[in-house]
Amino acid sequence: MSEQKALPTRMVLQTYKQKLVSAKKGYELLKKKSDALTVRYRRLLKEIIETKKEVSEMMKDASIALSEAKWANSSFARKIADDVNQASEIVEVHVDNVAGVKLPVFKSARRDVASDVLVLNRGGQQLEKCQKMWTELLQVIIRLSSLQTSFISLDEAIKVTNRRVNALDNVVIPGVADTIHYIESELDELEREDIFRLKKVLQVKKRKAAADAAVIAENGEVFEECEEDPENHDTILQDYVVEDDDIVV
């Protein structure tokens, strides 16, 4: 993983370290969210399978009840269609929040609708049984629709969350870590260069100090000779100057 372009300074290094901490924290939170959504996803899948089996069985029983009602009174369908002017079952939509993901939930609401035609006409018992079974079947179908809709929404949310988790784990976090490593290596190299320069400066200063000490020592010897032989004072100084010029040249 190639590191991101960054200026190798202490401030930039601190910034990228904070980014790394935030990225790791975000990764952990998204991973927990993905796990929670996956648990709910599996539960929904199990409920969908069981509900489909229940719908299949209820559909068989409801079809038999409808056949019995038609045998008892073949004209009830037309009479019901003429007398009923509003739905007895309506669907209400609610929202369930799972780890920040909003899932639609369908619930059936029962309305009071007059059904005298089912009781007064011939075959009222069979018609009432048929109505009850198909009403129960409708409620189960609504529940199945709610489960399947939530399942689709949850599946899409899991895919998006997993993409973010993978991006953090495979791209963002390694990239920031490589950048931190690059900045640290550059700072270490700059520090080694500074230490090398300081050593060189100290060496130059030491050599200069030694040279100054040698000059001072030599001057001390000249002064001592002058004090011991005052008569030859000018000659001694002239010889020192000549020797010093020779050293400089």
Protein backbone atom coordinates (compact mmCIF):
# COMPACT_ATOMS: atom_id res chain seq x y z
CA MET A 1 0.00 0.00 0.00
CA SER A 2 1.58 3.29 -1.09
CA GLU A 3 1.52 6.05 1.48
CA GLN A 4 -0.44 9.23 0.91
CA LYS A 5 1.42 12.42 0.06
CA ALA A 6 2.06 14.30 3.29
CA LEU A 7 4.52 16.87 4.56
CA PRO A 8 6.85 15.16 7.07
CA THR A 9 6.30 17.38 10.12
CA ARG A 10 5.36 16.70 13.73
CA MET A 11 2.00 18.45 13.34
CA VAL A 12 1.09 16.43 10.25
CA LEU A 13 2.18 13.25 12.04
CA GLN A 14 -0.14 14.04 14.96
CA THR A 15 -2.99 14.74 12.54
CA TYR A 16 -2.56 11.39 10.80
CA LYS A 17 -2.36 9.56 14.12
CA GLN A 18 -5.72 11.08 15.06
CA LYS A 19 -7.08 10.00 11.66
CA LEU A 20 -5.88 6.46 12.32
CA VAL A 21 -7.59 6.37 15.72
CA SER A 22 -10.83 7.69 14.20
CA ALA A 23 -10.66 5.21 11.31
CA LYS A 24 -10.17 2.27 13.69
CA LYS A 25 -13.04 3.46 15.88
CA GLY A 26 -15.27 3.87 12.82
CA TYR A 27 -14.29 0.39 11.66
CA GLU A 28 -15.25 -1.14 15.01
CA LEU A 29 -18.61 0.67 15.06
CA LEU A 30 -19.44 -0.31 11.48
CA LYS A 31 -18.39 -3.91 12.18
CA LYS A 32 -20.76 -4.03 15.17
CA LYS A 33 -23.51 -2.51 13.02
CA SER A 34 -22.89 -5.10 10.30
CA ASP A 35 -23.05 -7.91 12.86
CA ALA A 36 -26.32 -6.58 14.31
CA LEU A 37 -27.86 -6.25 10.85
CA THR A 38 -26.68 -9.75 9.92
CA VAL A 39 -28.35 -11.21 13.02
CA ARG A 40 -31.62 -9.48 12.13
CA TYR A 41 -31.18 -10.54 8.48
CA ARG A 42 -30.94 -14.22 9.42
CA ARG A 43 -33.91 -13.92 11.74
CA LEU A 44 -35.99 -12.34 8.97
CA LEU A 45 -34.96 -15.07 6.54
CA LYS A 46 -36.08 -17.74 8.99
CA GLU A 47 -39.40 -15.95 9.58
CA ILE A 48 -39.98 -15.59 5.82
CA ILE A 49 -39.44 -19.31 5.24
CA GLU A 50 -41.81 -20.23 8.07
CA THR A 51 -44.43 -17.68 6.98
CA LYS A 52 -44.35 -18.94 3.38
CA LYS A 53 -45.04 -22.45 4.63
CA GLU A 54 -47.87 -21.09 6.75
CA VAL A 55 -49.33 -19.21 3.77
CA SER A 56 -49.16 -22.35 1.65
CA GLU A 57 -51.10 -24.39 4.22
CA MET A 58 -53.64 -21.64 4.87
CA MET A 59 -54.14 -21.16 1.13
CA LYS A 60 -55.16 -24.80 0.79
CA ASP A 61 -57.65 -24.57 3.67
CA ALA A 62 -59.03 -21.24 2.43
CA SER A 63 -59.52 -22.63 -1.07
CA ILE A 64 -61.46 -25.57 0.34
CA ALA A 65 -63.59 -23.20 2.44
CA LEU A 66 -64.29 -21.09 -0.65
CA SER A 67 -65.39 -24.16 -2.60
CA GLU A 68 -67.74 -25.14 0.24
CA ALA A 69 -69.19 -21.62 0.35
CA LYS A 70 -69.78 -21.64 -3.41
CA TRP A 71 -71.50 -25.01 -3.12
CA ALA A 72 -73.74 -23.71 -0.33
CA ASN A 73 -74.58 -20.44 -2.09
CA SER A 74 -73.32 -19.89 -5.59
CA SER A 75 -74.56 -16.30 -5.81
CA PHE A 76 -72.94 -14.90 -2.65
CA ALA A 77 -69.98 -13.35 -4.49
CA ARG A 78 -72.24 -11.03 -6.53
CA LYS A 79 -74.28 -10.04 -3.48
CA ILE A 80 -71.15 -9.24 -1.46
CA ALA A 81 -69.73 -7.16 -4.30
CA ASP A 82 -73.00 -5.17 -4.48
CA ASP A 83 -73.33 -4.57 -0.74
CA VAL A 84 -69.72 -3.85 0.32
CA ASN A 85 -68.54 -0.30 -0.44
CA GLN A 86 -65.35 -0.10 1.63
CA ALA A 87 -62.48 -2.40 2.56
CA SER A 88 -62.67 -4.25 5.83
CA GLU A 89 -58.86 -4.53 6.07
CA ILE A 90 -56.41 -1.68 5.60
CA VAL A 91 -52.64 -1.72 5.75
CA GLU A 92 -50.74 0.68 8.00
CA VAL A 93 -47.04 1.34 7.48
CA HIS A 94 -44.75 1.70 10.50
CA VAL A 95 -40.98 2.05 10.76
CA ASP A 96 -38.65 -0.18 12.75
CA ASN A 97 -35.15 1.13 13.50
CA VAL A 98 -32.41 -1.51 13.53
CA ALA A 99 -28.89 -0.18 14.16
CA GLY A 100 -29.74 3.07 12.41
CA VAL A 101 -31.45 1.37 9.46
CA LYS A 102 -35.15 2.13 9.00
CA LEU A 103 -37.20 -0.91 8.00
CA PRO A 104 -40.83 -0.63 6.83
CA VAL A 105 -43.31 -2.71 8.81
CA PHE A 106 -46.81 -3.42 7.48
CA LYS A 107 -49.66 -4.00 9.92
CA SER A 108 -53.28 -4.77 9.14
CA ALA A 109 -56.08 -2.76 10.73
CA ARG A 110 -59.62 -4.15 10.92
CA ARG A 111 -62.65 -2.04 9.99
CA ASP A 112 -66.17 -2.75 11.15
CA VAL A 113 -68.12 -3.53 7.99
CA ALA A 114 -71.72 -4.81 7.98
CA SER A 115 -71.86 -8.42 6.84
CA ASP A 116 -75.54 -9.28 7.24
CA VAL A 117 -75.58 -10.75 3.78
CA LEU A 118 -73.32 -13.53 4.97
CA VAL A 119 -75.65 -14.48 7.80
CA LEU A 120 -79.12 -13.98 6.42
CA ASN A 121 -78.66 -15.72 3.11
CA ARG A 122 -78.56 -19.45 2.54
CA GLY A 123 -75.25 -21.08 3.56
CA GLY A 124 -74.38 -18.35 6.05
CA GLN A 125 -72.30 -20.67 8.24
CA GLN A 126 -70.06 -21.75 5.37
CA LEU A 127 -69.76 -18.15 4.18
CA GLU A 128 -68.74 -16.93 7.63
CA LYS A 129 -66.14 -19.69 7.89
CA CYS A 130 -64.81 -18.76 4.45
CA GLN A 131 -64.63 -15.09 5.40
CA LYS A 132 -62.74 -15.84 8.60
CA MET A 133 -60.18 -18.06 6.90
CA TRP A 134 -59.51 -15.63 4.06
CA THR A 135 -59.23 -12.74 6.53
CA GLU A 136 -56.62 -14.68 8.50
CA LEU A 137 -54.84 -15.54 5.26
CA LEU A 138 -54.82 -11.87 4.27
CA GLN A 139 -53.21 -10.91 7.58
CA VAL A 140 -50.50 -13.52 7.14
CA ILE A 141 -49.87 -12.33 3.56
CA ILE A 142 -49.52 -8.76 4.85
CA ARG A 143 -47.03 -9.98 7.46
CA LEU A 144 -45.12 -11.86 4.75
CA SER A 145 -45.02 -8.73 2.58
CA SER A 146 -43.67 -6.77 5.53
CA LEU A 147 -40.96 -9.37 6.16
CA GLN A 148 -39.90 -9.50 2.51
CA THR A 149 -39.79 -5.70 2.19
CA SER A 150 -37.72 -5.41 5.37
CA PHE A 151 -35.51 -8.23 4.12
CA ILE A 152 -34.73 -6.38 0.88
CA SER A 153 -34.02 -3.10 2.70
CA LEU A 154 -31.84 -4.90 5.23
CA ASP A 155 -29.93 -6.73 2.51
CA GLU A 156 -29.07 -3.44 0.79
CA ALA A 157 -28.05 -1.84 4.11
CA ILE A 158 -25.76 -4.79 4.90
CA LYS A 159 -24.08 -4.51 1.49
CA VAL A 160 -23.44 -0.77 1.96
CA THR A 161 -22.14 -1.29 5.50
CA ASN A 162 -19.85 -4.15 4.45
CA ARG A 163 -18.44 -2.04 1.61
CA ARG A 164 -17.58 0.68 4.12
CA VAL A 165 -16.06 -1.86 6.51
CA ASN A 166 -13.92 -3.34 3.73
CA ALA A 167 -12.87 0.13 2.55
CA LEU A 168 -11.73 1.07 6.04
CA ASP A 169 -10.01 -2.26 6.64
CA ASN A 170 -8.26 -2.61 3.28
CA VAL A 171 -7.76 0.96 2.04
CA VAL A 172 -8.15 3.75 4.60
CA ILE A 173 -6.47 2.25 7.67
CA PRO A 174 -3.48 0.73 5.79
CA GLY A 175 -3.04 3.97 3.81
CA VAL A 176 -3.00 6.13 6.93
CA ALA A 177 -0.68 3.66 8.70
CA ASP A 178 1.74 3.72 5.75
CA THR A 179 1.67 7.52 5.74
CA ILE A 180 2.47 7.58 9.45
CA HIS A 181 5.36 5.17 8.86
CA TYR A 182 6.62 7.37 6.01
CA ILE A 183 6.47 10.56 8.11
CA GLU A 184 8.18 8.87 11.06
CA SER A 185 10.98 7.54 8.84
CA GLU A 186 11.48 11.00 7.29
CA LEU A 187 11.54 12.64 10.70
CA ASP A 188 14.07 10.06 11.93
CA GLU A 189 16.24 10.77 8.90
CA LEU A 190 16.04 14.52 9.53
CA GLU A 191 16.91 13.94 13.17
CA ARG A 192 19.96 11.87 12.21
CA GLU A 193 21.06 14.63 9.82
CA ASP A 194 20.69 17.23 12.57
CA ILE A 195 22.74 15.09 14.96
CA PHE A 196 25.42 14.65 12.30
CA ARG A 197 25.56 18.40 11.71
CA LEU A 198 25.78 19.07 15.44
CA LYS A 199 28.66 16.63 15.74
CA LYS A 200 30.45 18.35 12.88
CA VAL A 201 29.92 21.76 14.50
CA LEU A 202 31.23 20.44 17.82
CA GLN A 203 34.28 18.98 16.09
CA VAL A 204 35.01 22.31 14.39
CA LYS A 205 34.58 24.14 17.68
CA LYS A 206 36.86 21.68 19.44
CA ARG A 207 39.55 22.09 16.78
CA LYS A 208 39.24 25.86 16.98
CA ALA A 209 39.41 25.76 20.76
CA ALA A 210 42.51 23.55 20.59
CA ALA A 211 44.11 25.93 18.09
CA ASP A 212 43.27 28.91 20.28
CA ALA A 213 44.70 27.11 23.29
CA ALA A 214 47.89 26.38 21.36
CA VAL A 215 48.22 30.04 20.36
CA ILE A 216 47.64 31.16 23.92
CA ALA A 217 50.21 28.67 25.18
CA GLU A 218 52.74 29.83 22.59
CA ASN A 219 52.09 33.46 23.46
CA GLY A 220 52.67 32.59 27.08
CA GLU A 221 56.06 31.10 26.24
CA VAL A 222 57.05 34.27 24.29
CA PHE A 223 56.09 36.50 27.16
CA GLU A 224 58.07 34.36 29.56
CA GLU A 225 61.15 34.61 27.27
CA CYS A 226 60.72 38.38 27.08
CA GLU A 227 60.56 38.62 30.83
CA GLU A 228 63.65 36.43 31.24
CA ASP A 229 65.64 38.35 28.58
CA PRO A 230 64.37 41.94 28.45
CA GLU A 231 67.36 43.09 26.44
CA ASN A 232 66.44 40.84 23.47
CA HIS A 233 62.71 41.67 23.70
CA ASP A 234 62.43 43.02 20.13
CA THR A 235 64.37 40.15 18.61
CA ILE A 236 62.19 37.54 20.31
CA LEU A 237 58.98 39.21 19.15
CA GLN A 238 60.33 39.54 15.60
CA ASP A 239 61.18 35.84 15.49
CA TYR A 240 57.66 34.98 16.75
CA VAL A 241 56.03 37.12 14.11
CA VAL A 242 58.10 35.54 11.38
CA GLU A 243 57.26 32.06 12.60
CA ASP A 244 53.58 32.97 12.83
CA ASP A 245 53.62 34.28 9.26
CA ASP A 246 55.19 31.08 8.10
CA ILE A 247 52.42 29.12 9.81
CA VAL A 248 49.70 31.22 8.22
CA VAL A 249 51.15 30.96 4.73
